[in-house]
Amino acid sequence: MSDTPRTDAKRGFHDLDTAVDAEFSEQLERELNAANERIKRLEEAGDVLMNCIPTELFCNQKLQRIENQWRKAKEAKP
């Protein structure tokens, strides 16, 4: 399975060396920009929430796990 199925479908399966049109590329770029903006807003909201938790509560193992998962999730960028 390809990691670019929409582009492959636009080109057609028998002509994989053919470029796709600019309009389709622009649509993909707009969607990528919108997704990146959403990720940025979600990260900012997550940071605000993490900062609302009093530091003294991080002795709680569950909260430590949550903080570690949050930090790990933010690092997982391609």
Protein backbone atom coordinates (compact mmCIF):
# COMPACT_ATOMS: atom_id res chain seq x y z
CA MET A 1 0.00 0.00 0.00
CA SER A 2 1.32 3.41 -0.95
CA ASP A 3 1.79 6.24 1.53
CA THR A 4 0.29 8.62 -1.10
CA PRO A 5 -2.97 6.92 -2.10
CA ARG A 6 -4.80 10.12 -3.11
CA THR A 7 -1.98 11.21 -5.39
CA ASP A 8 -1.70 7.72 -6.85
CA ALA A 9 -5.43 7.67 -7.54
CA LYS A 10 -5.25 11.08 -9.21
CA ARG A 11 -2.41 9.90 -11.48
CA GLY A 12 -3.87 6.50 -12.18
CA PHE A 13 -2.23 3.19 -11.40
CA HIS A 14 -0.68 2.61 -14.83
CA ASP A 15 1.14 5.92 -15.15
CA LEU A 16 2.97 6.40 -11.84
CA ASP A 17 5.65 8.62 -13.41
CA THR A 18 3.10 11.25 -14.44
CA ALA A 19 2.88 14.39 -12.32
CA VAL A 20 -0.42 15.51 -10.83
CA ASP A 21 -1.92 18.88 -11.68
CA ALA A 22 -1.16 22.02 -9.68
CA GLU A 23 -4.75 22.37 -8.45
CA PHE A 24 -4.61 18.96 -6.76
CA SER A 25 -1.18 19.74 -5.26
CA GLU A 26 -2.47 23.05 -3.94
CA GLN A 27 -5.45 21.28 -2.34
CA LEU A 28 -3.12 18.83 -0.59
CA GLU A 29 -0.92 21.68 0.61
CA ARG A 30 -3.92 23.59 2.00
CA GLU A 31 -5.05 20.47 3.85
CA LEU A 32 -1.54 19.92 5.21
CA ASN A 33 -1.33 23.53 6.41
CA ALA A 34 -4.75 23.26 8.07
CA ALA A 35 -3.73 20.01 9.80
CA ASN A 36 -0.47 21.54 11.02
CA GLU A 37 -2.35 24.55 12.38
CA ARG A 38 -4.75 22.24 14.21
CA ILE A 39 -1.82 20.30 15.69
CA LYS A 40 -0.29 23.59 16.86
CA ARG A 41 -3.55 24.64 18.55
CA LEU A 42 -3.94 21.22 20.20
CA GLU A 43 -0.35 21.35 21.49
CA GLU A 44 -0.91 24.82 22.89
CA ALA A 45 -4.13 23.70 24.59
CA GLY A 46 -2.39 20.63 26.00
CA ASP A 47 0.44 22.77 27.35
CA VAL A 48 -2.07 25.06 29.06
CA LEU A 49 -3.80 22.07 30.64
CA MET A 50 -0.50 20.55 31.78
CA ASN A 51 0.46 23.88 33.34
CA CYS A 52 -2.82 23.94 35.28
CA ILE A 53 -1.78 20.88 37.26
CA PRO A 54 -0.01 21.95 40.47
CA THR A 55 3.61 20.79 40.51
CA GLU A 56 3.20 19.05 43.86
CA LEU A 57 0.63 16.68 42.31
CA PHE A 58 3.23 15.24 39.93
CA CYS A 59 4.40 12.98 42.75
CA ASN A 60 1.30 10.99 41.79
CA GLN A 61 2.41 8.19 39.45
CA LYS A 62 -0.65 8.52 37.24
CA LEU A 63 0.01 12.21 36.65
CA GLN A 64 3.68 11.47 35.96
CA ARG A 65 2.61 8.95 33.32
CA ILE A 66 0.27 11.52 31.76
CA GLU A 67 3.03 14.13 31.66
CA ASN A 68 5.46 11.64 30.10
CA GLN A 69 2.88 10.59 27.49
CA TRP A 70 2.18 14.23 26.65
CA ARG A 71 5.87 15.03 26.20
CA LYS A 72 6.36 11.91 24.09
CA ALA A 73 3.33 12.75 21.90
CA LYS A 74 4.66 16.23 21.22
CA GLU A 75 8.04 14.82 20.18
CA ALA A 76 6.49 12.37 17.68
CA LYS A 77 6.67 14.64 14.65
CA PRO A 78 7.75 13.37 11.26
